[in-house]
């Protein structure tokens, strides 16, 4: 089976989704996350569990970000 990624303009998404449904094709909202990326996250979680003091409190740091 082939897998295809489409870039669809916002105004055509509904049409494309109806077409896909009519053709009986599978649609996946879930991105494929490589196992090596998952492992990085698992290691970071374990590191944080072992040393929670290394984490910053979101309420204390969120205002320091400059959003453009």
PDB file of N, CA and C in Angstrom:
ATOM      1  N   UNK A   1       0.842  -1.176   0.000  1.00  0.00           N
ATOM      2  CA  UNK A   1       0.000   0.000   0.000  1.00  0.00           C
ATOM      3  C   UNK A   1       0.890   1.244   0.000  1.00  0.00           C
ATOM      4  N   UNK A   2       0.526   2.227  -0.761  1.00  0.00           N
ATOM      5  CA  UNK A   2       1.251   3.493  -0.844  1.00  0.00           C
ATOM      6  C   UNK A   2       0.681   4.475   0.171  1.00  0.00           C
ATOM      7  N   UNK A   3       1.535   5.340   0.672  1.00  0.00           N
ATOM      8  CA  UNK A   3       1.103   6.404   1.585  1.00  0.00           C
ATOM      9  C   UNK A   3       1.407   7.726   0.911  1.00  0.00           C
ATOM     10  N   UNK A   4       0.440   8.639   0.932  1.00  0.00           N
ATOM     11  CA  UNK A   4       0.585   9.923   0.250  1.00  0.00           C
ATOM     12  C   UNK A   4       0.290  11.042   1.236  1.00  0.00           C
ATOM     13  N   UNK A   5       1.115  12.073   1.190  1.00  0.00           N
ATOM     14  CA  UNK A   5       0.882  13.268   1.991  1.00  0.00           C
ATOM     15  C   UNK A   5       0.405  14.363   1.048  1.00  0.00           C
ATOM     16  N   UNK A   6      -0.693  15.014   1.404  1.00  0.00           N
ATOM     17  CA  UNK A   6      -1.252  16.075   0.565  1.00  0.00           C
ATOM     18  C   UNK A   6      -1.193  17.417   1.288  1.00  0.00           C
ATOM     19  N   UNK A   7      -0.903  18.449   0.555  1.00  0.00           N
ATOM     20  CA  UNK A   7      -1.029  19.815   1.065  1.00  0.00           C
ATOM     21  C   UNK A   7      -2.257  20.400   0.379  1.00  0.00           C
ATOM     22  N   UNK A   8      -3.264  20.691   1.183  1.00  0.00           N
ATOM     23  CA  UNK A   8      -4.551  21.113   0.636  1.00  0.00           C
ATOM     24  C   UNK A   8      -4.860  22.524   1.126  1.00  0.00           C
ATOM     25  N   UNK A   9      -5.211  23.433   0.206  1.00  0.00           N
ATOM     26  CA  UNK A   9      -5.597  24.782   0.638  1.00  0.00           C
ATOM     27  C   UNK A   9      -6.796  24.704   1.590  1.00  0.00           C
ATOM     28  N   UNK A  10      -6.828  25.590   2.552  1.00  0.00           N
ATOM     29  CA  UNK A  10      -7.898  25.570   3.559  1.00  0.00           C
ATOM     30  C   UNK A  10      -9.294  25.507   2.941  1.00  0.00           C
ATOM     31  N   UNK A  11      -9.502  26.247   1.879  1.00  0.00           N
ATOM     32  CA  UNK A  11     -10.848  26.304   1.293  1.00  0.00           C
ATOM     33  C   UNK A  11     -11.232  25.017   0.548  1.00  0.00           C
ATOM     34  N   UNK A  12     -10.298  24.103   0.364  1.00  0.00           N
ATOM     35  CA  UNK A  12     -10.605  22.853  -0.346  1.00  0.00           C
ATOM     36  C   UNK A  12     -10.573  21.618   0.559  1.00  0.00           C
ATOM     37  N   UNK A  13     -10.276  21.794   1.838  1.00  0.00           N
ATOM     38  CA  UNK A  13     -10.151  20.651   2.743  1.00  0.00           C
ATOM     39  C   UNK A  13     -11.446  19.845   2.810  1.00  0.00           C
ATOM     40  N   UNK A  14     -12.553  20.508   2.976  1.00  0.00           N
ATOM     41  CA  UNK A  14     -13.831  19.793   3.090  1.00  0.00           C
ATOM     42  C   UNK A  14     -14.098  18.958   1.827  1.00  0.00           C
ATOM     43  N   UNK A  15     -13.868  19.535   0.659  1.00  0.00           N
ATOM     44  CA  UNK A  15     -14.070  18.816  -0.597  1.00  0.00           C
ATOM     45  C   UNK A  15     -13.167  17.583  -0.678  1.00  0.00           C
ATOM     46  N   UNK A  16     -11.889  17.765  -0.349  1.00  0.00           N
ATOM     47  CA  UNK A  16     -10.934  16.661  -0.423  1.00  0.00           C
ATOM     48  C   UNK A  16     -11.316  15.556   0.562  1.00  0.00           C
ATOM     49  N   UNK A  17     -11.731  15.924   1.764  1.00  0.00           N
ATOM     50  CA  UNK A  17     -12.115  14.926   2.761  1.00  0.00           C
ATOM     51  C   UNK A  17     -13.351  14.148   2.299  1.00  0.00           C
ATOM     52  N   UNK A  18     -14.309  14.828   1.669  1.00  0.00           N
ATOM     53  CA  UNK A  18     -15.486  14.139   1.139  1.00  0.00           C
ATOM     54  C   UNK A  18     -15.085  13.166   0.031  1.00  0.00           C
ATOM     55  N   UNK A  19     -14.176  13.580  -0.824  1.00  0.00           N
ATOM     56  CA  UNK A  19     -13.697  12.723  -1.899  1.00  0.00           C
ATOM     57  C   UNK A  19     -12.994  11.487  -1.339  1.00  0.00           C
ATOM     58  N   UNK A  20     -12.147  11.681  -0.361  1.00  0.00           N
ATOM     59  CA  UNK A  20     -11.441  10.563   0.271  1.00  0.00           C
ATOM     60  C   UNK A  20     -12.440   9.593   0.896  1.00  0.00           C
ATOM     61  N   UNK A  21     -13.447  10.142   1.557  1.00  0.00           N
ATOM     62  CA  UNK A  21     -14.479   9.291   2.181  1.00  0.00           C
ATOM     63  C   UNK A  21     -15.238   8.497   1.115  1.00  0.00           C
ATOM     64  N   UNK A  22     -15.617   9.154   0.013  1.00  0.00           N
ATOM     65  CA  UNK A  22     -16.347   8.478  -1.059  1.00  0.00           C
ATOM     66  C   UNK A  22     -15.517   7.370  -1.706  1.00  0.00           C
ATOM     67  N   UNK A  23     -14.216   7.565  -1.766  1.00  0.00           N
ATOM     68  CA  UNK A  23     -13.335   6.556  -2.350  1.00  0.00           C
ATOM     69  C   UNK A  23     -13.013   5.430  -1.371  1.00  0.00           C
ATOM     70  N   UNK A  24     -13.425   5.610  -0.108  1.00  0.00           N
ATOM     71  CA  UNK A  24     -13.200   4.573   0.892  1.00  0.00           C
ATOM     72  C   UNK A  24     -11.742   4.450   1.309  1.00  0.00           C
ATOM     73  N   UNK A  25     -11.011   5.545   1.270  1.00  0.00           N
ATOM     74  CA  UNK A  25      -9.595   5.530   1.618  1.00  0.00           C
ATOM     75  C   UNK A  25      -9.408   5.760   3.118  1.00  0.00           C
ATOM     76  N   UNK A  26      -8.294   5.255   3.648  1.00  0.00           N
ATOM     77  CA  UNK A  26      -7.962   5.445   5.055  1.00  0.00           C
ATOM     78  C   UNK A  26      -7.374   6.836   5.255  1.00  0.00           C
ATOM     79  N   UNK A  27      -7.750   7.462   6.361  1.00  0.00           N
ATOM     80  CA  UNK A  27      -7.216   8.764   6.720  1.00  0.00           C
ATOM     81  C   UNK A  27      -6.627   8.656   8.112  1.00  0.00           C
ATOM     82  N   UNK A  28      -5.409   9.132   8.259  1.00  0.00           N
ATOM     83  CA  UNK A  28      -4.760   9.099   9.561  1.00  0.00           C
ATOM     84  C   UNK A  28      -4.409  10.508   9.985  1.00  0.00           C
ATOM     85  N   UNK A  29      -4.886  10.887  11.180  1.00  0.00           N
ATOM     86  CA  UNK A  29      -4.548  12.194  11.742  1.00  0.00           C
ATOM     87  C   UNK A  29      -3.248  12.105  12.532  1.00  0.00           C
ATOM     88  N   UNK A  30      -2.834  10.891  12.811  1.00  0.00           N
ATOM     89  CA  UNK A  30      -1.672  10.674  13.665  1.00  0.00           C
ATOM     90  C   UNK A  30      -0.388  10.671  12.833  1.00  0.00           C
ATOM     91  N   UNK A  31       0.524  11.579  13.166  1.00  0.00           N
ATOM     92  CA  UNK A  31       1.802  11.547  12.445  1.00  0.00           C
ATOM     93  C   UNK A  31       2.636  10.352  12.888  1.00  0.00           C
ATOM     94  N   UNK A  32       3.451   9.852  11.993  1.00  0.00           N
ATOM     95  CA  UNK A  32       4.386   8.798  12.365  1.00  0.00           C
ATOM     96  C   UNK A  32       5.543   9.443  13.098  1.00  0.00           C
ATOM     97  N   UNK A  33       5.752   9.043  14.342  1.00  0.00           N
ATOM     98  CA  UNK A  33       6.859   9.566  15.137  1.00  0.00           C
ATOM     99  C   UNK A  33       7.935   8.497  15.160  1.00  0.00           C
ATOM    100  N   UNK A  34       9.122   8.846  14.658  1.00  0.00           N
ATOM    101  CA  UNK A  34      10.191   7.849  14.631  1.00  0.00           C
ATOM    102  C   UNK A  34      10.520   7.343  16.033  1.00  0.00           C
ATOM    103  N   UNK A  35      10.862   6.076  16.129  1.00  0.00           N
ATOM    104  CA  UNK A  35      11.166   5.465  17.421  1.00  0.00           C
ATOM    105  C   UNK A  35      12.303   6.192  18.128  1.00  0.00           C
ATOM    106  N   UNK A  36      13.291   6.656  17.380  1.00  0.00           N
ATOM    107  CA  UNK A  36      14.406   7.364  18.023  1.00  0.00           C
ATOM    108  C   UNK A  36      13.959   8.670  18.682  1.00  0.00           C
ATOM    109  N   UNK A  37      12.947   9.331  18.128  1.00  0.00           N
ATOM    110  CA  UNK A  37      12.403  10.535  18.748  1.00  0.00           C
ATOM    111  C   UNK A  37      11.645  10.183  20.032  1.00  0.00           C
ATOM    112  N   UNK A  38      10.901   9.100  19.969  1.00  0.00           N
ATOM    113  CA  UNK A  38      10.187   8.644  21.167  1.00  0.00           C
ATOM    114  C   UNK A  38      11.169   8.325  22.294  1.00  0.00           C
ATOM    115  N   UNK A  39      12.292   7.713  21.927  1.00  0.00           N
ATOM    116  CA  UNK A  39      13.292   7.347  22.931  1.00  0.00           C
ATOM    117  C   UNK A  39      13.906   8.587  23.574  1.00  0.00           C
ATOM    118  N   UNK A  40      14.134   9.624  22.800  1.00  0.00           N
ATOM    119  CA  UNK A  40      14.651  10.885  23.348  1.00  0.00           C
ATOM    120  C   UNK A  40      13.682  11.428  24.393  1.00  0.00           C
ATOM    121  N   UNK A  41      12.400  11.420  24.077  1.00  0.00           N
ATOM    122  CA  UNK A  41      11.388  11.918  25.008  1.00  0.00           C
ATOM    123  C   UNK A  41      11.349  11.053  26.264  1.00  0.00           C
ATOM    124  N   UNK A  42      11.408   9.738  26.094  1.00  0.00           N
ATOM    125  CA  UNK A  42      11.400   8.838  27.264  1.00  0.00           C
ATOM    126  C   UNK A  42      12.579   9.130  28.191  1.00  0.00           C
ATOM    127  N   UNK A  43      13.756   9.346  27.608  1.00  0.00           N
ATOM    128  CA  UNK A  43      14.944   9.647  28.413  1.00  0.00           C
ATOM    129  C   UNK A  43      14.786  10.964  29.156  1.00  0.00           C
ATOM    130  N   UNK A  44      14.217  11.957  28.491  1.00  0.00           N
ATOM    131  CA  UNK A  44      14.005  13.260  29.140  1.00  0.00           C
ATOM    132  C   UNK A  44      12.998  13.144  30.279  1.00  0.00           C
ATOM    133  N   UNK A  45      11.972  12.353  30.095  1.00  0.00           N
ATOM    134  CA  UNK A  45      10.981  12.144  31.162  1.00  0.00           C
ATOM    135  C   UNK A  45      11.646  11.491  32.360  1.00  0.00           C
ATOM    136  N   UNK A  46      12.438  10.455  32.119  1.00  0.00           N
ATOM    137  CA  UNK A  46      13.122   9.769  33.210  1.00  0.00           C
ATOM    138  C   UNK A  46      14.078  10.709  33.937  1.00  0.00           C
ATOM    139  N   UNK A  47      14.784  11.536  33.187  1.00  0.00           N
ATOM    140  CA  UNK A  47      15.708  12.501  33.770  1.00  0.00           C
ATOM    141  C   UNK A  47      14.958  13.481  34.682  1.00  0.00           C
ATOM    142  N   UNK A  48      13.790  13.907  34.239  1.00  0.00           N
ATOM    143  CA  UNK A  48      12.984  14.849  35.018  1.00  0.00           C
ATOM    144  C   UNK A  48      12.391  14.196  36.255  1.00  0.00           C
ATOM    145  N   UNK A  49      12.034  12.924  36.150  1.00  0.00           N
ATOM    146  CA  UNK A  49      11.504  12.205  37.309  1.00  0.00           C
ATOM    147  C   UNK A  49      12.595  12.067  38.370  1.00  0.00           C
ATOM    148  N   UNK A  50      13.812  11.781  37.934  1.00  0.00           N
ATOM    149  CA  UNK A  50      14.928  11.607  38.865  1.00  0.00           C
ATOM    150  C   UNK A  50      15.365  12.925  39.501  1.00  0.00           C
ATOM    151  N   UNK A  51      15.215  14.019  38.764  1.00  0.00           N
ATOM    152  CA  UNK A  51      15.655  15.315  39.261  1.00  0.00           C
ATOM    153  C   UNK A  51      14.632  16.388  38.906  1.00  0.00           C
ATOM    154  N   UNK A  52      13.507  16.446  39.617  1.00  0.00           N
ATOM    155  CA  UNK A  52      12.453  17.408  39.282  1.00  0.00           C
ATOM    156  C   UNK A  52      12.866  18.867  39.483  1.00  0.00           C
ATOM    157  N   UNK A  53      13.916  19.112  40.263  1.00  0.00           N
ATOM    158  CA  UNK A  53      14.368  20.486  40.494  1.00  0.00           C
ATOM    159  C   UNK A  53      14.972  21.118  39.248  1.00  0.00           C
ATOM    160  N   UNK A  54      15.296  20.302  38.247  1.00  0.00           N
ATOM    161  CA  UNK A  54      15.875  20.837  37.020  1.00  0.00           C
ATOM    162  C   UNK A  54      14.818  21.503  36.136  1.00  0.00           C
ATOM    163  N   UNK A  55      13.548  21.276  36.461  1.00  0.00           N
ATOM    164  CA  UNK A  55      12.463  21.829  35.654  1.00  0.00           C
ATOM    165  C   UNK A  55      12.104  23.237  36.110  1.00  0.00           C
ATOM    166  N   UNK A  56      11.633  24.035  35.181  1.00  0.00           N
ATOM    167  CA  UNK A  56      11.172  25.383  35.499  1.00  0.00           C
ATOM    168  C   UNK A  56       9.654  25.377  35.601  1.00  0.00           C
ATOM    169  N   UNK A  57       9.138  26.235  36.451  1.00  0.00           N
ATOM    170  CA  UNK A  57       7.706  26.376  36.624  1.00  0.00           C
ATOM    171  C   UNK A  57       7.155  27.243  35.494  1.00  0.00           C
ATOM    172  N   UNK A  58       6.220  26.705  34.727  1.00  0.00           N
ATOM    173  CA  UNK A  58       5.671  27.417  33.576  1.00  0.00           C
ATOM    174  C   UNK A  58       5.076  28.766  33.980  1.00  0.00           C
ATOM    175  N   UNK A  59       4.355  28.825  35.087  1.00  0.00           N
ATOM    176  CA  UNK A  59       3.740  30.077  35.516  1.00  0.00           C
ATOM    177  C   UNK A  59       4.791  31.148  35.794  1.00  0.00           C
ATOM    178  N   UNK A  60       5.975  30.744  36.184  1.00  0.00           N
ATOM    179  CA  UNK A  60       7.038  31.706  36.486  1.00  0.00           C
ATOM    180  C   UNK A  60       7.809  32.155  35.245  1.00  0.00           C
ATOM    181  N   UNK A  61       7.845  31.349  34.201  1.00  0.00           N
ATOM    182  CA  UNK A  61       8.669  31.690  33.039  1.00  0.00           C
ATOM    183  C   UNK A  61       7.888  32.103  31.795  1.00  0.00           C
ATOM    184  N   UNK A  62       6.606  31.833  31.751  1.00  0.00           N
ATOM    185  CA  UNK A  62       5.860  32.086  30.499  1.00  0.00           C
ATOM    186  C   UNK A  62       5.881  33.522  30.050  1.00  0.00           C
ATOM    187  N   UNK A  63       5.905  34.465  30.982  1.00  0.00           N
ATOM    188  CA  UNK A  63       5.901  35.871  30.590  1.00  0.00           C
ATOM    189  C   UNK A  63       7.244  36.336  30.056  1.00  0.00           C
ATOM    190  N   UNK A  64       8.284  35.550  30.220  1.00  0.00           N
ATOM    191  CA  UNK A  64       9.595  35.924  29.714  1.00  0.00           C
ATOM    192  C   UNK A  64       9.742  35.652  28.211  1.00  0.00           C
ATOM    193  N   UNK A  65       8.775  34.941  27.626  1.00  0.00           N
ATOM    194  CA  UNK A  65       8.817  34.653  26.196  1.00  0.00           C
ATOM    195  C   UNK A  65       8.247  35.823  25.408  1.00  0.00           C
ATOM    196  N   UNK A  66       8.881  36.119  24.308  1.00  0.00           N
ATOM    197  CA  UNK A  66       8.377  37.170  23.428  1.00  0.00           C
ATOM    198  C   UNK A  66       7.749  36.508  22.217  1.00  0.00           C
ATOM    199  N   UNK A  67       6.459  36.627  22.094  1.00  0.00           N
ATOM    200  CA  UNK A  67       5.752  36.027  20.956  1.00  0.00           C
ATOM    201  C   UNK A  67       5.573  37.097  19.872  1.00  0.00           C
ATOM    202  N   UNK A  68       5.937  36.737  18.677  1.00  0.00           N
ATOM    203  CA  UNK A  68       5.817  37.699  17.569  1.00  0.00           C
ATOM    204  C   UNK A  68       4.686  37.327  16.658  1.00  0.00           C
TER     205      UNK A  68
END
